[in-house]
C-alpha atoms as a PDB file:
ATOM      1  CA  UNK A   1       4.677 -12.597  10.325  1.00  0.00           C
ATOM      2  CA  UNK A   2       8.290 -11.135   9.740  1.00  0.00           C
ATOM      3  CA  UNK A   3       8.452 -11.078   5.515  1.00  0.00           C
ATOM      4  CA  UNK A   4      11.251  -8.416   5.451  1.00  0.00           C
ATOM      5  CA  UNK A   5      13.501  -8.626   2.763  1.00  0.00           C
ATOM      6  CA  UNK A   6      11.756 -11.642   0.913  1.00  0.00           C
ATOM      7  CA  UNK A   7      11.036 -11.968  -2.613  1.00  0.00           C
ATOM      8  CA  UNK A   8       6.869 -12.300  -2.746  1.00  0.00           C
ATOM      9  CA  UNK A   9       6.776 -11.117  -6.198  1.00  0.00           C
ATOM     10  CA  UNK A  10       3.320 -12.260  -7.735  1.00  0.00           C
ATOM     11  CA  UNK A  11       1.907 -14.015  -4.617  1.00  0.00           C
ATOM     12  CA  UNK A  12      -1.422 -13.477  -4.342  1.00  0.00           C
ATOM     13  CA  UNK A  13      -2.553 -12.410  -0.579  1.00  0.00           C
ATOM     14  CA  UNK A  14      -6.468 -11.913  -1.499  1.00  0.00           C
ATOM     15  CA  UNK A  15      -8.211 -12.162   1.750  1.00  0.00           C
ATOM     16  CA  UNK A  16      -5.563 -12.858   3.841  1.00  0.00           C
ATOM     17  CA  UNK A  17      -4.991 -11.367   7.379  1.00  0.00           C
ATOM     18  CA  UNK A  18      -1.834  -9.529   7.317  1.00  0.00           C
ATOM     19  CA  UNK A  19      -2.286  -7.270  10.672  1.00  0.00           C
ATOM     20  CA  UNK A  20       1.036  -6.383  11.726  1.00  0.00           C
ATOM     21  CA  UNK A  21       2.830  -7.921   9.115  1.00  0.00           C
ATOM     22  CA  UNK A  22       6.410  -6.737   8.598  1.00  0.00           C
ATOM     23  CA  UNK A  23       7.233  -6.356   4.710  1.00  0.00           C
ATOM     24  CA  UNK A  24       9.715  -3.972   4.981  1.00  0.00           C
ATOM     25  CA  UNK A  25      12.297  -4.231   2.056  1.00  0.00           C
ATOM     26  CA  UNK A  26      10.164  -7.103   0.382  1.00  0.00           C
ATOM     27  CA  UNK A  27       9.701  -7.458  -3.163  1.00  0.00           C
ATOM     28  CA  UNK A  28       6.024  -7.381  -3.927  1.00  0.00           C
ATOM     29  CA  UNK A  29       5.860  -6.541  -7.210  1.00  0.00           C
ATOM     30  CA  UNK A  30       2.600  -7.471  -9.009  1.00  0.00           C
ATOM     31  CA  UNK A  31       1.037  -9.146  -5.932  1.00  0.00           C
ATOM     32  CA  UNK A  32      -2.533  -9.067  -4.899  1.00  0.00           C
ATOM     33  CA  UNK A  33      -3.695  -7.987  -1.435  1.00  0.00           C
ATOM     34  CA  UNK A  34      -7.240  -7.685  -2.805  1.00  0.00           C
ATOM     35  CA  UNK A  35      -9.770  -7.710   0.117  1.00  0.00           C
ATOM     36  CA  UNK A  36      -6.705  -8.401   2.619  1.00  0.00           C
ATOM     37  CA  UNK A  37      -6.645  -7.186   6.278  1.00  0.00           C
ATOM     38  CA  UNK A  38      -3.244  -5.433   7.064  1.00  0.00           C
ATOM     39  CA  UNK A  39      -3.945  -2.691  10.140  1.00  0.00           C
ATOM     40  CA  UNK A  40      -0.623  -1.862  11.322  1.00  0.00           C
ATOM     41  CA  UNK A  41       1.543  -3.655   8.443  1.00  0.00           C
ATOM     42  CA  UNK A  42       4.988  -2.234   7.573  1.00  0.00           C
ATOM     43  CA  UNK A  43       5.730  -2.044   3.792  1.00  0.00           C
ATOM     44  CA  UNK A  44       8.741   0.487   4.583  1.00  0.00           C
ATOM     45  CA  UNK A  45      11.194   0.891   1.374  1.00  0.00           C
ATOM     46  CA  UNK A  46       9.168  -2.138   0.021  1.00  0.00           C
ATOM     47  CA  UNK A  47       8.729  -2.616  -4.147  1.00  0.00           C
ATOM     48  CA  UNK A  48       5.376  -2.776  -4.443  1.00  0.00           C
ATOM     49  CA  UNK A  49       5.205  -1.782  -7.817  1.00  0.00           C
ATOM     50  CA  UNK A  50       1.492  -2.413  -9.395  1.00  0.00           C
ATOM     51  CA  UNK A  51       0.598  -4.049  -6.182  1.00  0.00           C
ATOM     52  CA  UNK A  52      -3.333  -4.860  -5.883  1.00  0.00           C
ATOM     53  CA  UNK A  53      -4.853  -3.453  -2.544  1.00  0.00           C
ATOM     54  CA  UNK A  54      -8.330  -2.816  -3.828  1.00  0.00           C
ATOM     55  CA  UNK A  55     -10.926  -3.079  -0.888  1.00  0.00           C
ATOM     56  CA  UNK A  56      -8.198  -3.945   1.557  1.00  0.00           C
ATOM     57  CA  UNK A  57      -8.056  -2.857   5.413  1.00  0.00           C
ATOM     58  CA  UNK A  58      -4.598  -1.003   5.898  1.00  0.00           C
ATOM     59  CA  UNK A  59      -5.286   1.486   8.960  1.00  0.00           C
ATOM     60  CA  UNK A  60      -2.315   2.701  10.366  1.00  0.00           C
ATOM     61  CA  UNK A  61      -0.040   0.751   7.777  1.00  0.00           C
ATOM     62  CA  UNK A  62       3.341   2.187   7.139  1.00  0.00           C
ATOM     63  CA  UNK A  63       4.505   2.637   3.225  1.00  0.00           C
ATOM     64  CA  UNK A  64       7.616   4.945   4.161  1.00  0.00           C
ATOM     65  CA  UNK A  65       9.938   4.966   1.187  1.00  0.00           C
ATOM     66  CA  UNK A  66       8.049   2.180  -0.366  1.00  0.00           C
ATOM     67  CA  UNK A  67       7.687   2.250  -4.350  1.00  0.00           C
ATOM     68  CA  UNK A  68       4.074   2.382  -5.046  1.00  0.00           C
ATOM     69  CA  UNK A  69       3.959   3.051  -8.614  1.00  0.00           C
ATOM     70  CA  UNK A  70       0.673   2.034 -10.221  1.00  0.00           C
ATOM     71  CA  UNK A  71      -0.748   0.219  -7.174  1.00  0.00           C
ATOM     72  CA  UNK A  72      -4.599  -0.040  -6.772  1.00  0.00           C
ATOM     73  CA  UNK A  73      -5.597   1.172  -3.536  1.00  0.00           C
ATOM     74  CA  UNK A  74      -9.337   1.401  -4.958  1.00  0.00           C
ATOM     75  CA  UNK A  75     -11.687   1.187  -2.347  1.00  0.00           C
ATOM     76  CA  UNK A  76      -9.022   0.542  -0.010  1.00  0.00           C
ATOM     77  CA  UNK A  77      -9.036   1.812   3.888  1.00  0.00           C
ATOM     78  CA  UNK A  78      -5.695   3.065   4.646  1.00  0.00           C
ATOM     79  CA  UNK A  79      -6.771   6.056   7.276  1.00  0.00           C
ATOM     80  CA  UNK A  80      -3.694   7.176   9.495  1.00  0.00           C
ATOM     81  CA  UNK A  81      -1.347   5.219   7.422  1.00  0.00           C
ATOM     82  CA  UNK A  82       1.913   6.990   6.303  1.00  0.00           C
ATOM     83  CA  UNK A  83       2.803   7.393   2.607  1.00  0.00           C
ATOM     84  CA  UNK A  84       5.983   9.512   3.493  1.00  0.00           C
ATOM     85  CA  UNK A  85       8.727   9.793   0.806  1.00  0.00           C
ATOM     86  CA  UNK A  86       6.861   6.663  -1.090  1.00  0.00           C
ATOM     87  CA  UNK A  87       6.830   6.842  -4.971  1.00  0.00           C
ATOM     88  CA  UNK A  88       3.170   7.126  -5.885  1.00  0.00           C
ATOM     89  CA  UNK A  89       3.189   7.960  -9.365  1.00  0.00           C
ATOM     90  CA  UNK A  90       0.032   6.249 -11.844  1.00  0.00           C
ATOM     91  CA  UNK A  91      -1.208   4.859  -8.439  1.00  0.00           C
ATOM     92  CA  UNK A  92      -4.973   4.572  -7.998  1.00  0.00           C
ATOM     93  CA  UNK A  93      -6.827   5.668  -4.710  1.00  0.00           C
ATOM     94  CA  UNK A  94     -10.506   5.852  -6.127  1.00  0.00           C
ATOM     95  CA  UNK A  95     -12.946   5.740  -3.731  1.00  0.00           C
ATOM     96  CA  UNK A  96     -10.341   5.296  -0.722  1.00  0.00           C
ATOM     97  CA  UNK A  97     -10.263   6.132   2.831  1.00  0.00           C
ATOM     98  CA  UNK A  98      -6.915   8.395   3.304  1.00  0.00           C
ATOM     99  CA  UNK A  99      -8.138  10.525   6.306  1.00  0.00           C
ATOM    100  CA  UNK A 100      -4.915  11.305   8.767  1.00  0.00           C
ATOM    101  CA  UNK A 101      -2.485   9.621   6.485  1.00  0.00           C
ATOM    102  CA  UNK A 102       0.908  11.106   5.808  1.00  0.00           C
ATOM    103  CA  UNK A 103       1.941  11.979   2.139  1.00  0.00           C
ATOM    104  CA  UNK A 104       4.904  14.401   2.961  1.00  0.00           C
ATOM    105  CA  UNK A 105       7.825  13.774   0.465  1.00  0.00           C
ATOM    106  CA  UNK A 106       6.139  11.522  -1.618  1.00  0.00           C
ATOM    107  CA  UNK A 107       6.459  11.777  -5.442  1.00  0.00           C
ATOM    108  CA  UNK A 108       4.443  11.513  -8.237  1.00  0.00           C
ATOM    109  CA  UNK A 109       0.928  12.663  -6.505  1.00  0.00           C
ATOM    110  CA  UNK A 110      -0.129  14.676  -9.476  1.00  0.00           C
ATOM    111  CA  UNK A 111      -0.655  11.419 -11.021  1.00  0.00           C
ATOM    112  CA  UNK A 112      -2.594   9.695  -8.777  1.00  0.00           C
ATOM    113  CA  UNK A 113      -6.308   8.973  -9.074  1.00  0.00           C
ATOM    114  CA  UNK A 114      -8.315  10.213  -6.585  1.00  0.00           C
ATOM    115  CA  UNK A 115     -12.029  10.131  -7.470  1.00  0.00           C
ATOM    116  CA  UNK A 116     -14.321   9.564  -4.525  1.00  0.00           C
ATOM    117  CA  UNK A 117     -11.427   9.480  -1.931  1.00  0.00           C
ATOM    118  CA  UNK A 118     -11.907  10.449   1.527  1.00  0.00           C
END
């Protein structure tokens, strides 16, 4: 699905299959992707402030340049994903699987919650 550049603020994608979806530049503030599948999805430069990705499967997702401040990735699988140049202040990655992910140039990493993350 190509949802790039759209205003999807507050939309509930709980449990939805978003594999390979293009959400580049999309306004997602407050949206929910709880338990969703988004392998290979792109969120480049998305406004994803406070988005809830709890327990989502986002292997190989691209979050480069996205605003993910206060986003929740608790128990999510985001291995081999790119968070390069993303804003991550206050984000929650507790119990998340992050192996192979790229955080080069990301900001706010000192305030990320990482308890139990792999």
